[in-house]
Amino acid sequence: MTTRIGKTHAELTLLANAALRAQPGCETASVPALSALPVREGRNWEIPNVVLGDSLISDVDRAVITVHHRLGRKFFLKADD
């Protein structure tokens, strides 16, 4: 099992933005913020909204699923202190 790393909202938002923009066709898309999910195990955050820019919604939909899957295995959202 891989150890997951806790990140703040700001840190995880930056990671999600970089991961999203690295996906094909999503160079102009951006994640304004993340939302916490009420779960204790697994991915405890989500990307509720994306600003498309010039990106196509179909490209962004696919990319968000990829970002959730890839980053969700590595990082969790730390509880606010």
Protein backbone atom coordinates (compact mmCIF):
# COMPACT_ATOMS: atom_id res chain seq x y z
CA MET A 1 0.00 0.00 0.00
CA THR A 2 1.26 3.46 -0.87
CA THR A 3 1.57 6.06 1.85
CA ARG A 4 -0.60 9.07 1.07
CA ILE A 5 0.62 12.58 1.82
CA GLY A 6 -1.52 15.26 3.46
CA LYS A 7 -1.77 18.61 1.68
CA THR A 8 -3.51 21.89 2.50
CA HIS A 9 -6.30 23.26 0.29
CA ALA A 10 -3.84 25.65 -1.36
CA GLU A 11 -1.17 22.99 -1.97
CA LEU A 12 -3.63 20.47 -3.36
CA THR A 13 -5.31 23.09 -5.56
CA LEU A 14 -1.91 23.96 -7.09
CA LEU A 15 -1.20 20.26 -7.71
CA ALA A 16 -4.64 19.74 -9.27
CA ASN A 17 -4.19 22.79 -11.53
CA ALA A 18 -0.81 21.60 -12.75
CA ALA A 19 -2.10 18.05 -13.32
CA LEU A 20 -5.19 19.31 -15.17
CA ARG A 21 -3.24 21.65 -17.43
CA ALA A 22 -0.78 18.86 -18.26
CA GLN A 23 -3.63 16.83 -19.79
CA PRO A 24 -4.11 17.04 -23.59
CA GLY A 25 -6.47 19.84 -24.59
CA CYS A 26 -6.64 21.34 -21.08
CA GLU A 27 -3.82 23.88 -21.24
CA THR A 28 -6.21 26.80 -20.57
CA ALA A 29 -8.44 25.10 -17.98
CA SER A 30 -8.07 25.91 -14.30
CA VAL A 31 -9.29 24.67 -10.92
CA PRO A 32 -10.45 27.64 -8.79
CA ALA A 33 -10.75 25.56 -5.59
CA LEU A 34 -11.26 22.10 -4.16
CA SER A 35 -14.02 20.89 -1.88
CA ALA A 36 -13.65 18.54 1.06
CA LEU A 37 -15.67 15.31 1.03
CA PRO A 38 -17.08 13.84 4.27
CA VAL A 39 -15.12 10.57 4.08
CA ARG A 40 -12.43 9.08 6.29
CA GLU A 41 -10.90 6.61 3.81
CA GLY A 42 -9.82 7.18 0.23
CA ARG A 43 -9.95 10.48 -1.62
CA ASN A 44 -11.46 13.09 0.71
CA TRP A 45 -11.59 15.95 -1.81
CA GLU A 46 -13.11 16.76 -5.19
CA ILE A 47 -12.84 19.31 -7.98
CA PRO A 48 -16.37 20.77 -8.04
CA ASN A 49 -15.80 23.38 -10.76
CA VAL A 50 -13.34 24.01 -13.58
CA VAL A 51 -12.89 27.19 -15.59
CA LEU A 52 -12.64 25.95 -19.17
CA GLY A 53 -10.76 28.78 -20.86
CA ASP A 54 -10.38 27.62 -24.49
CA SER A 55 -10.54 23.93 -23.52
CA LEU A 56 -13.37 21.69 -24.69
CA ILE A 57 -15.67 20.36 -21.99
CA SER A 58 -15.13 16.77 -23.20
CA ASP A 59 -11.36 17.14 -22.75
CA VAL A 60 -11.82 18.66 -19.29
CA ASP A 61 -14.30 15.98 -18.16
CA ARG A 62 -11.84 13.22 -19.07
CA ALA A 63 -8.94 15.11 -17.48
CA VAL A 64 -10.76 15.74 -14.17
CA ILE A 65 -11.47 12.01 -13.85
CA THR A 66 -7.79 11.30 -14.50
CA VAL A 67 -6.64 13.93 -11.99
CA HIS A 68 -9.03 12.64 -9.31
CA HIS A 69 -7.78 9.10 -9.81
CA ARG A 70 -4.05 9.87 -9.98
CA LEU A 71 -3.79 12.52 -7.26
CA GLY A 72 -6.37 10.82 -5.03
CA ARG A 73 -4.07 7.81 -4.68
CA LYS A 74 -1.15 10.05 -3.62
CA PHE A 75 -2.63 12.92 -1.61
CA PHE A 76 -5.36 13.61 0.92
CA LEU A 77 -6.74 16.94 2.09
CA LYS A 78 -5.58 17.84 5.58
CA ALA A 79 -8.22 18.96 8.05
CA ASP A 80 -8.22 22.70 8.71
CA ASP A 81 -6.21 23.56 11.80
